[in-house]
Amino acid sequence: MSLLTIILNILLPPLAVFLKHGLGGTFLISILLTLIGWIPGVIHAFIVND
């Protein structure tokens, strides 16, 4: 995982997931989790972008 990906995972989790996986279910889940709370979005981004 690159430094840019780590920074994006922390600051903008949906963007990091989008850059890695594109539009799809994973991206929508990331947006939903980030809207619920920033921490769940960050955790999801780190798990998905492993």
C-alpha atoms as a PDB file:
ATOM      1  CA  MET A   1       0.000   0.000   0.000  1.00  0.00           C
ATOM      2  CA  SER A   2       1.480   3.321  -1.057  1.00  0.00           C
ATOM      3  CA  LEU A   3       1.736   6.424   1.089  1.00  0.00           C
ATOM      4  CA  LEU A   4      -0.818   8.195  -1.117  1.00  0.00           C
ATOM      5  CA  THR A   5      -3.328   5.387  -0.569  1.00  0.00           C
ATOM      6  CA  ILE A   6      -2.823   5.554   3.194  1.00  0.00           C
ATOM      7  CA  ILE A   7      -3.362   9.316   3.229  1.00  0.00           C
ATOM      8  CA  LEU A   8      -6.493   9.018   1.079  1.00  0.00           C
ATOM      9  CA  ASN A   9      -7.806   6.186   3.275  1.00  0.00           C
ATOM     10  CA  ILE A  10      -7.609   8.523   6.239  1.00  0.00           C
ATOM     11  CA  LEU A  11      -8.767  11.799   4.685  1.00  0.00           C
ATOM     12  CA  LEU A  12     -11.231  10.693   1.966  1.00  0.00           C
ATOM     13  CA  PRO A  13     -12.104   7.011   2.330  1.00  0.00           C
ATOM     14  CA  PRO A  14     -14.611   6.839  -0.575  1.00  0.00           C
ATOM     15  CA  LEU A  15     -12.109   8.415  -2.961  1.00  0.00           C
ATOM     16  CA  ALA A  16      -9.453   5.878  -2.004  1.00  0.00           C
ATOM     17  CA  VAL A  17     -11.896   3.003  -2.579  1.00  0.00           C
ATOM     18  CA  PHE A  18     -13.021   4.508  -5.899  1.00  0.00           C
ATOM     19  CA  LEU A  19      -9.446   4.826  -7.173  1.00  0.00           C
ATOM     20  CA  LYS A  20      -8.718   1.200  -6.306  1.00  0.00           C
ATOM     21  CA  HIS A  21     -12.021  -0.502  -7.247  1.00  0.00           C
ATOM     22  CA  GLY A  22     -14.037   1.958  -9.371  1.00  0.00           C
ATOM     23  CA  LEU A  23     -17.778   2.413  -9.175  1.00  0.00           C
ATOM     24  CA  GLY A  24     -19.599  -0.515  -7.660  1.00  0.00           C
ATOM     25  CA  GLY A  25     -20.868  -2.025  -4.475  1.00  0.00           C
ATOM     26  CA  THR A  26     -17.657  -1.496  -2.554  1.00  0.00           C
ATOM     27  CA  PHE A  27     -17.697   2.203  -3.380  1.00  0.00           C
ATOM     28  CA  LEU A  28     -21.335   2.583  -2.334  1.00  0.00           C
ATOM     29  CA  ILE A  29     -20.684   0.787   0.954  1.00  0.00           C
ATOM     30  CA  SER A  30     -17.747   3.100   1.570  1.00  0.00           C
ATOM     31  CA  ILE A  31     -19.910   6.181   1.009  1.00  0.00           C
ATOM     32  CA  LEU A  32     -22.614   4.817   3.300  1.00  0.00           C
ATOM     33  CA  LEU A  33     -20.171   3.991   6.090  1.00  0.00           C
ATOM     34  CA  THR A  34     -18.478   7.380   5.778  1.00  0.00           C
ATOM     35  CA  LEU A  35     -21.847   9.131   6.038  1.00  0.00           C
ATOM     36  CA  ILE A  36     -22.728   7.111   9.133  1.00  0.00           C
ATOM     37  CA  GLY A  37     -19.415   8.014  10.719  1.00  0.00           C
ATOM     38  CA  TRP A  38     -15.965   8.869   9.524  1.00  0.00           C
ATOM     39  CA  ILE A  39     -14.238   6.076  11.498  1.00  0.00           C
ATOM     40  CA  PRO A  40     -16.269   3.212   9.950  1.00  0.00           C
ATOM     41  CA  GLY A  41     -15.464   4.612   6.514  1.00  0.00           C
ATOM     42  CA  VAL A  42     -11.749   4.722   7.299  1.00  0.00           C
ATOM     43  CA  ILE A  43     -11.762   1.176   8.689  1.00  0.00           C
ATOM     44  CA  HIS A  44     -13.606  -0.107   5.603  1.00  0.00           C
ATOM     45  CA  ALA A  45     -11.188   1.683   3.273  1.00  0.00           C
ATOM     46  CA  PHE A  46      -8.162   0.128   4.987  1.00  0.00           C
ATOM     47  CA  ILE A  47      -9.718  -3.357   4.884  1.00  0.00           C
ATOM     48  CA  VAL A  48     -10.753  -3.099   1.214  1.00  0.00           C
ATOM     49  CA  ASN A  49      -7.525  -1.478   0.013  1.00  0.00           C
ATOM     50  CA  ASP A  50      -5.282  -3.995   1.734  1.00  0.00           C
END
